[in-house]
Amino acid sequence: MVHWADYMAEKIIKERGDKEEYVVESGITPSGYVHIGNFRELFTAYIVGHALRDKGKKVRHIHMWDDYDRFRKVPKNVPKEWSEYLTMPVSEVPDPWGCHNSYADHFMSIFEEEVEKLGIEVDFLRASRLYKSGEYANEIRLALEKRSEIMEILNKFRDMAKQPHLPKDWQPIQIYCPKCRKEAEFVKWDGEWKVAYRCSHCGAEGETDIREGNVKLRWRVDWPMRWAHFKVDFEPAGKDHLAAGSSYDTGKEIVEKIFGWKAPMTLMYEFVGIKGQKGKMSGSKGNVILLSDLYEVLEPGVIRFIYARHRPNKEIKIDLGLGLLNLYDEFDSVERLYFGLEEAKNPEEAEELKRTYELSMPSLPSRLVAQAPFRFLVVLVQMPHLTEEKIIEILKEQGHVPAQLDEEDLNRIRLRIYLAKNWVEKYAPEDVKFELQEELPQIEISEEIKDALREVADWLEEREKFTVDEFNSIIFDAAKKRSIPSKKYFKVLYNLFIGKDRGPRLAPFLASLDKEFVIKRLRLEG
């Protein structure tokens, strides 16, 4: 089964022809926090670019920051006083938090740092710089020349949507007042490079040269212009942009008829959310989960894997609760499968999973780097007496990681220990959390269970070394030979050590504790 990114890459080569370089694009207006839903656009462009590179093609991935868009509304998490900056470019609105050069820069910087952690190479471009440098000057002039043709295209789609036509004085541009930087009114164009304006905010009026960067194309013209300017071959989009008569449909005609380029191929991507969270995330409302939040509990490779595994038209619900343990199990299994250390149950599905792993890695490791089982780490990090080094020793003793570890192995294990601690603190359900009972709990225990516990204690005392499987067998056998019901037996064991009726897998858990402490507790000694 062909991975969806490979299928798209093949389609691009077939339809766009064999090119020296293919351009994939993603982009967003930094009007608020760039969340895990927004990231899906960048990742979809990235993974299709990855598939093209794997076919020996040169690829440029542009991520366009539309930071020359207007500041349209004051988000809930921003002081109301920021209303004085409305209609200015978001790249020129001050940062309300005072830590970056501008409002837009605050959100762009956070996201760029997050993407860098994923090892994804992206050419981040800022619309503000491109407009101000005069790079789009010729295209702006062309749009003014062909204003009536652009209006005709837009009105045709407005007819289809049963919307009123654009006003007769509509222009394909907007102007930022050179004096106060707020949006000014268009007065006239001289047919060359000068546009006359009038500002209702500060009262300034005059002319500005298109090449000076105060003139910007409106969104429905800006997007197709950009496709032509950068020769874009592929750009994914959300369903709002791909709905009938929306910006992609109008852009498709505008780019071909006005700017002389064929619209890029596209893929619609669905929302990304957190399991149990209600409503759509909004960067301007502040109800968002950022990549930074995922980094607190997920390895970068696991994050990339989540996005690579799902077809773009399928909604992603990331489970930060118990489902996160299953996610780690699945990722580790696929990684072992890729390196030939695990047998495939379904060969056809295995090939797709291996390819998913491959595509989710910007650079593939040459070997399997030590996998500390996350599920077991969740148990170990809850034991206050275990240092990081002691946890690594236990992982070695129980055969979860190799006895010989290099720096790369150790770094991965340490990262997972840190992530497991975070998960326990922030997301673990109460029934997963526990505390080791330092004092012997006062509980009722039948004589046959006491006898079984003594047998396990004696077995443990006689052995210098043992495997978890051997320990597991003796725990079960001691109860079985006395016909003790498992539920009743394990309830006692868990209560003795963690004061709860259930808990982590018993044999590996007890094997990770101090042997003398376990023997003493099994003998019900204080």
Protein backbone atom coordinates (compact mmCIF):
# COMPACT_ATOMS: atom_id res chain seq x y z
CA MET A 1 0.00 0.00 0.00
CA VAL A 2 1.47 3.35 -1.10
CA HIS A 3 1.82 6.01 1.59
CA TRP A 4 -0.31 9.07 0.86
CA ALA A 5 2.74 11.36 0.68
CA ASP A 6 4.38 9.12 -1.95
CA TYR A 7 1.13 9.03 -3.92
CA MET A 8 0.99 12.84 -3.87
CA ALA A 9 4.66 13.16 -4.85
CA GLU A 10 4.14 10.87 -7.86
CA LYS A 11 1.09 12.88 -8.87
CA ILE A 12 3.04 16.16 -8.66
CA ILE A 13 5.85 14.81 -10.87
CA LYS A 14 3.32 13.50 -13.38
CA GLU A 15 1.23 16.66 -13.57
CA ARG A 16 3.90 19.36 -13.10
CA GLY A 17 6.51 17.63 -15.27
CA ASP A 18 10.12 16.77 -14.50
CA LYS A 19 11.54 19.95 -12.96
CA GLU A 20 14.93 21.00 -11.66
CA GLU A 21 13.30 22.10 -8.40
CA TYR A 22 9.82 21.60 -6.95
CA VAL A 23 8.39 24.19 -4.59
CA VAL A 24 6.04 23.27 -1.75
CA GLU A 25 4.46 25.97 0.35
CA SER A 26 2.66 26.43 3.65
CA GLY A 27 1.73 29.65 5.38
CA ILE A 28 -0.31 31.44 8.02
CA THR A 29 -1.09 34.90 9.39
CA PRO A 30 0.62 35.22 12.81
CA SER A 31 -2.42 36.82 14.43
CA GLY A 32 -2.22 34.52 17.46
CA TYR A 33 -0.47 31.42 18.75
CA VAL A 34 0.40 28.96 15.99
CA HIS A 35 -1.07 25.75 17.39
CA ILE A 36 -0.89 22.03 16.60
CA GLY A 37 -3.74 22.40 14.09
CA ASN A 38 -1.86 25.09 12.15
CA PHE A 39 1.24 22.89 12.22
CA ARG A 40 -0.58 20.29 10.16
CA GLU A 41 -0.33 22.55 7.09
CA LEU A 42 3.43 22.91 7.45
CA PHE A 43 3.90 19.20 8.11
CA THR A 44 1.75 18.16 5.13
CA ALA A 45 3.88 20.34 2.85
CA TYR A 46 7.05 19.01 4.52
CA ILE A 47 6.20 15.31 4.17
CA VAL A 48 5.21 15.64 0.50
CA GLY A 49 8.53 17.45 -0.03
CA HIS A 50 10.26 14.59 1.82
CA ALA A 51 8.63 12.06 -0.54
CA LEU A 52 9.76 14.12 -3.56
CA ARG A 53 13.32 14.22 -2.21
CA ASP A 54 13.24 10.46 -1.75
CA LYS A 55 12.53 10.23 -5.49
CA GLY A 56 15.75 12.16 -6.15
CA LYS A 57 14.11 15.57 -6.64
CA LYS A 58 15.34 18.92 -5.38
CA VAL A 59 12.72 20.61 -3.18
CA ARG A 60 12.28 24.04 -1.66
CA HIS A 61 9.81 24.32 1.21
CA ILE A 62 8.57 27.87 1.76
CA HIS A 63 6.58 28.77 4.83
CA MET A 64 5.06 32.19 4.27
CA TRP A 65 4.38 34.37 7.28
CA ASP A 66 1.54 36.68 6.25
CA ASP A 67 2.76 39.26 8.75
CA TYR A 68 1.81 42.17 6.50
CA ASP A 69 -1.88 41.45 7.05
CA ARG A 70 -3.96 43.91 9.06
CA PHE A 71 -4.40 43.68 12.81
CA ARG A 72 -8.15 43.04 12.57
CA LYS A 73 -9.27 42.43 16.15
CA VAL A 74 -7.88 42.41 19.69
CA PRO A 75 -7.71 38.82 20.97
CA LYS A 76 -9.01 37.93 24.44
CA ASN A 77 -5.50 37.39 25.80
CA VAL A 78 -4.30 40.87 24.71
CA PRO A 79 -4.99 44.16 26.59
CA LYS A 80 -7.98 46.13 25.27
CA GLU A 81 -5.70 49.13 24.78
CA TRP A 82 -4.25 47.37 21.74
CA SER A 83 -7.36 48.50 19.83
CA GLU A 84 -5.38 51.66 19.03
CA TYR A 85 -3.25 49.52 16.66
CA LEU A 86 -6.18 48.10 14.66
CA THR A 87 -5.66 48.05 10.85
CA MET A 88 -1.86 48.35 11.21
CA PRO A 89 0.28 45.48 9.81
CA VAL A 90 0.62 42.78 12.50
CA SER A 91 4.40 43.00 12.00
CA GLU A 92 4.31 46.61 13.26
CA VAL A 93 1.98 46.19 16.24
CA PRO A 94 3.99 46.19 19.52
CA ASP A 95 4.38 42.91 21.40
CA PRO A 96 1.90 43.02 24.35
CA TRP A 97 4.23 40.77 26.35
CA GLY A 98 7.27 42.93 25.65
CA CYS A 99 9.61 40.07 24.76
CA HIS A 100 9.76 40.36 20.96
CA ASN A 101 10.09 43.10 18.36
CA SER A 102 6.41 43.00 17.40
CA TYR A 103 3.08 41.27 17.94
CA ALA A 104 3.68 39.04 14.89
CA ASP A 105 7.28 38.34 15.84
CA HIS A 106 6.13 37.00 19.23
CA PHE A 107 4.14 34.18 17.61
CA MET A 108 6.49 33.57 14.68
CA SER A 109 9.57 33.18 16.89
CA ILE A 110 7.89 30.63 19.18
CA PHE A 111 6.73 28.53 16.23
CA GLU A 112 10.06 28.70 14.36
CA GLU A 113 11.89 27.46 17.47
CA GLU A 114 9.35 24.63 17.87
CA VAL A 115 9.76 23.53 14.24
CA GLU A 116 13.55 23.63 14.55
CA LYS A 117 13.31 21.05 17.37
CA LEU A 118 11.62 18.68 14.92
CA GLY A 119 14.61 18.90 12.57
CA ILE A 120 12.41 20.08 9.70
CA GLU A 121 14.16 22.36 7.21
CA VAL A 122 11.89 25.21 6.13
CA ASP A 123 12.54 28.49 4.37
CA PHE A 124 10.60 30.92 6.57
CA LEU A 125 9.69 34.04 4.59
CA ARG A 126 8.02 37.19 5.91
CA ALA A 127 5.51 38.98 3.70
CA SER A 128 6.33 42.30 5.39
CA ARG A 129 9.95 42.12 4.23
CA LEU A 130 8.99 41.00 0.71
CA TYR A 131 6.51 43.85 0.25
CA LYS A 132 8.81 46.46 1.79
CA SER A 133 11.75 45.39 -0.36
CA GLY A 134 9.65 45.97 -3.47
CA GLU A 135 9.88 42.31 -4.52
CA TYR A 136 6.18 42.20 -5.44
CA ALA A 137 6.05 45.67 -7.06
CA ASN A 138 5.62 44.41 -10.64
CA GLU A 139 2.83 42.02 -9.62
CA ILE A 140 0.99 44.78 -7.70
CA ARG A 141 1.15 47.01 -10.78
CA LEU A 142 -0.08 44.13 -12.96
CA ALA A 143 -3.03 43.55 -10.61
CA LEU A 144 -3.96 47.24 -10.85
CA GLU A 145 -3.74 47.07 -14.64
CA LYS A 146 -6.00 44.03 -14.70
CA ARG A 147 -8.33 45.16 -11.93
CA SER A 148 -11.50 44.76 -14.04
CA GLU A 149 -10.53 41.19 -15.05
CA ILE A 150 -9.86 40.26 -11.40
CA MET A 151 -13.22 41.76 -10.39
CA GLU A 152 -14.94 39.79 -13.13
CA ILE A 153 -13.46 36.52 -11.79
CA LEU A 154 -14.38 37.32 -8.18
CA ASN A 155 -17.90 38.45 -9.12
CA LYS A 156 -18.47 35.25 -11.11
CA PHE A 157 -17.89 33.25 -7.93
CA ARG A 158 -19.99 35.68 -5.90
CA ASP A 159 -22.84 35.02 -8.35
CA MET A 160 -22.45 31.28 -7.74
CA ALA A 161 -22.61 31.87 -3.98
CA LYS A 162 -25.54 34.29 -4.42
CA GLN A 163 -23.52 37.12 -2.90
CA PRO A 164 -23.67 40.78 -4.01
CA HIS A 165 -21.03 41.96 -6.49
CA LEU A 166 -17.97 43.85 -5.32
CA PRO A 167 -18.51 47.65 -5.24
CA LYS A 168 -17.52 49.44 -8.47
CA ASP A 169 -14.67 51.26 -6.73
CA TRP A 170 -13.15 48.00 -5.39
CA GLN A 171 -9.39 47.76 -5.72
CA PRO A 172 -7.11 44.67 -5.58
CA ILE A 173 -4.84 46.54 -3.15
CA GLN A 174 -4.84 48.00 0.34
CA ILE A 175 -2.62 50.86 1.46
CA TYR A 176 -0.82 51.42 4.74
CA CYS A 177 -0.51 55.11 5.60
CA PRO A 178 3.21 56.04 5.44
CA LYS A 179 2.67 58.33 8.44
CA CYS A 180 0.56 56.42 11.03
CA ARG A 181 0.82 52.93 9.42
CA LYS A 182 -2.93 52.29 9.63
CA GLU A 183 -5.00 51.32 6.62
CA ALA A 184 -5.63 54.30 4.34
CA GLU A 185 -8.23 54.84 1.61
CA PHE A 186 -7.36 54.47 -2.07
CA VAL A 187 -7.87 57.67 -4.09
CA LYS A 188 -6.36 56.90 -7.51
CA TRP A 189 -3.55 55.19 -9.37
CA ASP A 190 -1.50 57.14 -11.92
CA GLY A 191 -1.11 54.16 -14.25
CA GLU A 192 2.56 53.83 -13.36
CA TRP A 193 4.06 53.48 -9.86
CA LYS A 194 2.21 56.07 -7.78
CA VAL A 195 -0.94 55.51 -5.76
CA ALA A 196 -2.75 58.44 -4.15
CA TYR A 197 -4.22 57.82 -0.67
CA ARG A 198 -6.16 59.51 2.10
CA CYS A 199 -5.90 58.41 5.75
CA SER A 200 -9.01 58.77 7.90
CA HIS A 201 -6.98 57.91 11.03
CA CYS A 202 -4.35 60.67 11.01
CA GLY A 203 -5.63 62.91 8.20
CA ALA A 204 -2.54 62.44 6.03
CA GLU A 205 -2.95 62.35 2.25
CA GLY A 206 -0.58 62.17 -0.67
CA GLU A 207 1.07 59.64 -2.96
CA THR A 208 3.11 56.54 -2.28
CA ASP A 209 5.29 54.62 -4.70
CA ILE A 210 4.28 50.95 -5.08
CA ARG A 211 7.97 50.04 -4.87
CA GLU A 212 8.25 51.59 -1.38
CA GLY A 213 6.18 48.81 0.18
CA ASN A 214 3.17 50.67 1.58
CA VAL A 215 0.85 48.98 -0.94
CA LYS A 216 -0.24 45.37 -0.42
CA LEU A 217 -2.44 43.03 -2.46
CA ARG A 218 -5.70 41.85 -0.91
CA TRP A 219 -5.79 38.23 0.23
CA ARG A 220 -7.67 36.75 -2.74
CA VAL A 221 -5.13 38.31 -5.10
CA ASP A 222 -2.06 38.00 -2.86
CA TRP A 223 -2.28 34.19 -2.58
CA PRO A 224 -2.36 33.44 -6.34
CA MET A 225 0.27 36.13 -6.98
CA ARG A 226 2.56 34.31 -4.56
CA TRP A 227 2.03 30.98 -6.32
CA ALA A 228 3.24 32.53 -9.55
CA HIS A 229 6.06 34.53 -7.96
CA PHE A 230 7.61 31.51 -6.23
CA LYS A 231 6.47 28.96 -8.85
CA VAL A 232 4.66 26.87 -6.22
CA ASP A 233 3.82 23.27 -7.20
CA PHE A 234 2.04 22.10 -4.05
CA GLU A 235 0.31 23.75 -1.12
CA PRO A 236 -2.08 22.07 1.31
CA ALA A 237 -5.03 24.03 2.68
CA GLY A 238 -7.78 23.81 5.27
CA LYS A 239 -11.31 23.02 4.16
CA ASP A 240 -12.39 26.65 4.55
CA HIS A 241 -9.97 27.64 1.76
CA LEU A 242 -10.93 24.67 -0.40
CA ALA A 243 -14.72 24.93 -0.15
CA ALA A 244 -16.53 25.62 -3.44
CA GLY A 245 -16.04 29.25 -4.49
CA SER A 246 -13.51 29.96 -1.74
CA SER A 247 -10.02 31.45 -2.02
CA TYR A 248 -8.45 28.42 -3.76
CA ASP A 249 -11.10 28.37 -6.50
CA THR A 250 -10.83 32.11 -7.16
CA GLY A 251 -7.04 31.93 -6.85
CA LYS A 252 -6.88 29.16 -9.43
CA GLU A 253 -8.43 31.40 -12.08
CA ILE A 254 -6.57 34.53 -11.02
CA VAL A 255 -3.15 32.87 -11.09
CA GLU A 256 -3.71 31.45 -14.57
CA LYS A 257 -5.46 34.41 -16.22
CA ILE A 258 -3.64 37.28 -14.51
CA PHE A 259 -0.22 35.98 -13.44
CA GLY A 260 0.34 33.24 -16.01
CA TRP A 261 1.03 30.29 -13.71
CA LYS A 262 -0.82 27.06 -13.11
CA ALA A 263 -2.37 26.77 -9.64
CA PRO A 264 -0.44 24.43 -7.34
CA MET A 265 -1.78 21.00 -6.55
CA THR A 266 -3.35 20.79 -3.12
CA LEU A 267 -4.59 18.52 -0.36
CA MET A 268 -7.30 19.35 2.12
CA TYR A 269 -6.28 18.78 5.73
CA GLU A 270 -8.62 18.28 8.65
CA PHE A 271 -8.48 19.65 12.18
CA VAL A 272 -6.10 18.51 14.89
CA GLY A 273 -7.34 18.49 18.45
CA ILE A 274 -6.84 16.98 21.86
CA LYS A 275 -9.06 14.08 22.88
CA GLY A 276 -11.68 15.36 25.30
CA GLN A 277 -11.17 19.02 24.40
CA LYS A 278 -14.34 20.69 23.11
CA GLY A 279 -14.47 23.24 20.31
CA LYS A 280 -12.04 24.35 17.64
CA MET A 281 -8.70 25.75 18.71
CA SER A 282 -8.10 29.42 18.05
CA GLY A 283 -4.74 31.16 18.33
CA SER A 284 -6.41 34.50 18.92
CA LYS A 285 -8.71 33.16 21.65
CA GLY A 286 -5.84 31.50 23.47
CA ASN A 287 -7.55 28.06 23.80
CA VAL A 288 -4.70 26.28 22.08
CA ILE A 289 -2.23 23.45 22.44
CA LEU A 290 1.16 24.34 21.01
CA LEU A 291 3.94 22.07 19.81
CA SER A 292 5.72 23.23 23.00
CA ASP A 293 2.96 21.58 25.03
CA LEU A 294 3.44 18.30 23.14
CA TYR A 295 7.21 18.50 23.71
CA GLU A 296 6.52 18.22 27.43
CA VAL A 297 5.37 14.61 27.05
CA LEU A 298 6.25 13.44 23.52
CA GLU A 299 9.54 12.80 21.75
CA PRO A 300 9.92 14.84 18.52
CA GLY A 301 9.89 11.59 16.50
CA VAL A 302 6.57 10.56 18.04
CA ILE A 303 5.04 13.96 17.18
CA ARG A 304 6.15 13.66 13.54
CA PHE A 305 4.86 10.07 13.47
CA ILE A 306 1.36 11.14 14.59
CA TYR A 307 1.06 13.56 11.67
CA ALA A 308 2.71 11.22 9.14
CA ARG A 309 0.46 8.30 10.09
CA HIS A 310 -2.85 10.08 9.45
CA ARG A 311 -4.11 10.92 5.99
CA PRO A 312 -4.60 14.71 5.82
CA ASN A 313 -8.37 14.41 5.31
CA LYS A 314 -8.74 12.51 8.58
CA GLU A 315 -9.12 14.42 11.83
CA ILE A 316 -6.38 13.86 14.41
CA LYS A 317 -7.30 13.63 18.08
CA ILE A 318 -4.16 13.42 20.20
CA ASP A 319 -4.76 11.54 23.44
CA LEU A 320 -2.64 12.98 26.24
CA GLY A 321 -4.30 10.66 28.77
CA LEU A 322 -3.86 6.88 28.97
CA GLY A 323 -3.86 6.67 25.16
CA LEU A 324 -0.42 8.29 25.19
CA LEU A 325 1.04 5.08 26.63
CA ASN A 326 -0.42 3.12 23.70
CA LEU A 327 1.01 5.71 21.29
CA TYR A 328 4.53 5.17 22.65
CA ASP A 329 4.05 1.39 22.47
CA GLU A 330 2.96 1.68 18.84
CA PHE A 331 5.79 4.01 17.86
CA ASP A 332 8.41 1.78 19.51
CA SER A 333 6.94 -1.28 17.80
CA VAL A 334 7.07 0.42 14.36
CA GLU A 335 10.64 1.55 15.03
CA ARG A 336 11.70 -2.02 15.89
CA LEU A 337 9.85 -3.23 12.80
CA TYR A 338 11.77 -0.73 10.65
CA PHE A 339 15.12 -1.97 11.97
CA GLY A 340 14.09 -5.62 11.51
CA LEU A 341 13.97 -6.35 15.24
CA GLU A 342 10.29 -7.25 15.32
CA GLU A 343 8.23 -9.58 13.17
CA ALA A 344 5.40 -8.14 11.10
CA LYS A 345 1.92 -9.54 11.75
CA ASN A 346 0.61 -8.14 8.46
CA PRO A 347 3.39 -7.76 5.82
CA GLU A 348 1.44 -5.29 3.66
CA GLU A 349 0.56 -3.07 6.62
CA ALA A 350 4.13 -3.41 7.89
CA GLU A 351 5.54 -1.88 4.69
CA GLU A 352 3.28 1.15 5.02
CA LEU A 353 4.18 1.55 8.71
CA LYS A 354 7.89 1.32 7.90
CA ARG A 355 7.47 3.95 5.20
CA THR A 356 5.52 6.14 7.65
CA TYR A 357 8.43 5.91 10.08
CA GLU A 358 10.90 6.72 7.29
CA LEU A 359 8.90 9.77 6.18
CA SER A 360 8.51 11.02 9.74
CA MET A 361 12.31 11.15 10.18
CA PRO A 362 14.15 14.12 8.60
CA SER A 363 17.34 12.05 8.89
CA LEU A 364 17.12 8.36 9.65
CA PRO A 365 19.14 6.94 12.56
CA SER A 366 21.69 4.34 11.41
CA ARG A 367 20.57 1.95 14.17
CA LEU A 368 17.87 1.55 16.77
CA VAL A 369 18.68 3.99 19.56
CA ALA A 370 17.82 2.54 22.99
CA GLN A 371 14.07 2.53 23.66
CA ALA A 372 13.19 2.92 27.33
CA PRO A 373 9.58 1.64 27.56
CA PHE A 374 7.53 4.73 28.42
CA ARG A 375 4.86 2.69 30.22
CA PHE A 376 7.46 1.28 32.63
CA LEU A 377 9.15 4.68 33.09
CA VAL A 378 5.82 6.03 34.30
CA VAL A 379 6.10 3.53 37.16
CA LEU A 380 9.79 4.14 37.88
CA VAL A 381 9.59 7.93 37.99
CA GLN A 382 6.99 7.72 40.75
CA MET A 383 9.48 6.10 43.11
CA PRO A 384 11.23 8.90 45.03
CA HIS A 385 14.23 6.72 45.96
CA LEU A 386 15.17 6.16 42.29
CA THR A 387 17.62 8.60 40.73
CA GLU A 388 17.94 8.94 36.97
CA GLU A 389 21.07 6.77 37.03
CA LYS A 390 19.34 4.10 39.15
CA ILE A 391 16.41 4.05 36.69
CA ILE A 392 18.89 3.43 33.85
CA GLU A 393 20.46 0.60 35.86
CA ILE A 394 17.04 -1.03 36.39
CA LEU A 395 16.28 -0.75 32.66
CA LYS A 396 19.56 -2.54 31.95
CA GLU A 397 19.01 -5.21 34.62
CA GLN A 398 15.53 -6.02 33.34
CA GLY A 399 16.71 -6.15 29.71
CA HIS A 400 14.74 -3.15 28.46
CA VAL A 401 17.87 -1.47 27.11
CA PRO A 402 21.30 -2.85 26.16
CA ALA A 403 23.98 -3.19 28.84
CA GLN A 404 26.33 -1.01 26.80
CA LEU A 405 24.92 2.44 26.05
CA ASP A 406 26.55 5.31 24.18
CA GLU A 407 25.77 9.03 24.60
CA GLU A 408 22.98 8.93 22.00
CA ASP A 409 21.27 6.07 23.85
CA LEU A 410 21.64 7.80 27.21
CA ASN A 411 20.29 11.11 25.89
CA ARG A 412 17.18 9.39 24.56
CA ILE A 413 16.60 7.51 27.83
CA ARG A 414 17.07 10.70 29.88
CA LEU A 415 14.66 12.55 27.63
CA ARG A 416 12.02 9.85 28.11
CA ILE A 417 12.51 9.91 31.89
CA TYR A 418 11.89 13.67 31.82
CA LEU A 419 8.82 13.26 29.58
CA ALA A 420 7.41 10.47 31.79
CA LYS A 421 7.76 12.69 34.88
CA ASN A 422 5.92 15.49 33.10
CA TRP A 423 3.15 13.15 31.98
CA VAL A 424 2.60 11.82 35.52
CA GLU A 425 2.42 15.38 36.88
CA LYS A 426 0.20 16.88 34.18
CA TYR A 427 -1.92 14.22 32.48
CA ALA A 428 -1.83 10.86 34.26
CA PRO A 429 -5.23 9.68 35.57
CA GLU A 430 -5.42 9.16 39.32
CA ASP A 431 -5.54 5.36 38.99
CA VAL A 432 -2.08 5.44 37.36
CA LYS A 433 -0.52 7.49 40.13
CA PHE A 434 0.74 5.85 43.32
CA GLU A 435 2.97 6.34 46.33
CA LEU A 436 5.16 3.67 47.80
CA GLN A 437 3.95 2.81 51.31
CA GLU A 438 6.91 3.34 53.60
CA GLU A 439 5.08 1.94 56.65
CA LEU A 440 3.45 -1.49 56.69
CA PRO A 441 -0.27 -0.93 55.93
CA GLN A 442 -2.77 -2.41 58.38
CA ILE A 443 -4.87 -4.71 56.17
CA GLU A 444 -6.63 -8.02 56.69
CA ILE A 445 -4.76 -10.93 55.08
CA SER A 446 -5.87 -14.59 55.12
CA GLU A 447 -3.45 -17.28 56.32
CA GLU A 448 -3.12 -18.90 52.86
CA ILE A 449 -2.14 -15.52 51.31
CA LYS A 450 0.37 -14.92 54.14
CA ASP A 451 1.81 -18.35 53.36
CA ALA A 452 2.06 -17.52 49.63
CA LEU A 453 3.79 -14.21 50.41
CA ARG A 454 6.35 -15.97 52.63
CA GLU A 455 7.10 -18.42 49.82
CA VAL A 456 7.79 -15.56 47.40
CA ALA A 457 9.96 -13.85 50.06
CA ASP A 458 11.99 -17.04 50.67
CA TRP A 459 12.49 -17.54 46.89
CA LEU A 460 13.66 -13.95 46.56
CA GLU A 461 16.08 -14.23 49.49
CA GLU A 462 17.75 -17.30 48.00
CA ARG A 463 18.61 -15.59 44.70
CA GLU A 464 21.37 -13.19 43.86
CA LYS A 465 20.03 -12.72 40.32
CA PHE A 466 16.76 -13.54 38.61
CA THR A 467 14.74 -12.46 35.59
CA VAL A 468 11.44 -10.62 35.73
CA ASP A 469 9.79 -13.62 34.02
CA GLU A 470 11.09 -15.96 36.74
CA PHE A 471 9.87 -13.58 39.43
CA ASN A 472 6.49 -13.29 37.73
CA SER A 473 6.16 -17.10 37.65
CA ILE A 474 6.87 -17.55 41.36
CA ILE A 475 4.37 -14.81 42.30
CA PHE A 476 1.65 -16.57 40.27
CA ASP A 477 2.62 -20.12 41.26
CA ALA A 478 2.56 -19.33 44.99
CA ALA A 479 -1.11 -18.34 44.67
CA LYS A 480 -2.06 -21.06 42.19
CA LYS A 481 -0.85 -24.00 44.32
CA ARG A 482 -2.99 -22.68 47.19
CA SER A 483 -6.02 -22.02 44.96
CA ILE A 484 -6.05 -18.34 45.93
CA PRO A 485 -8.20 -16.25 43.55
CA SER A 486 -5.91 -13.93 41.54
CA LYS A 487 -8.04 -10.84 42.17
CA LYS A 488 -7.97 -11.31 45.94
CA TYR A 489 -4.23 -12.12 45.97
CA PHE A 490 -3.12 -9.17 43.85
CA LYS A 491 -5.35 -6.76 45.76
CA VAL A 492 -3.38 -7.64 48.89
CA LEU A 493 -0.03 -7.30 47.14
CA TYR A 494 -0.85 -3.88 45.69
CA ASN A 495 -2.20 -2.61 48.99
CA LEU A 496 0.94 -3.78 50.78
CA PHE A 497 3.20 -1.75 48.49
CA ILE A 498 1.18 1.20 47.13
CA GLY A 499 -2.01 1.28 49.22
CA LYS A 500 -4.29 0.71 46.19
CA ASP A 501 -6.31 -2.21 44.82
CA ARG A 502 -4.46 -2.20 41.50
CA GLY A 503 -1.33 -0.76 39.99
CA PRO A 504 1.55 -1.31 37.58
CA ARG A 505 2.64 -4.75 36.35
CA LEU A 506 3.69 -6.36 39.61
CA ALA A 507 6.86 -8.38 38.81
CA PRO A 508 8.82 -5.60 37.04
CA PHE A 509 7.62 -3.10 39.67
CA LEU A 510 8.73 -5.21 42.67
CA ALA A 511 11.96 -6.14 40.89
CA SER A 512 12.80 -2.43 40.62
CA LEU A 513 12.49 -1.95 44.40
CA ASP A 514 15.15 -2.63 47.00
CA LYS A 515 15.23 -6.43 47.44
CA GLU A 516 15.50 -6.34 51.24
CA PHE A 517 12.55 -3.94 51.45
CA VAL A 518 10.41 -6.28 49.29
CA ILE A 519 11.36 -9.37 51.36
CA LYS A 520 10.56 -7.55 54.60
CA ARG A 521 7.21 -6.32 53.32
CA LEU A 522 6.22 -9.78 51.99
CA ARG A 523 6.95 -11.20 55.44
CA LEU A 524 4.71 -8.46 56.88
CA GLU A 525 7.52 -7.12 59.02
CA GLY A 526 7.25 -3.47 60.09
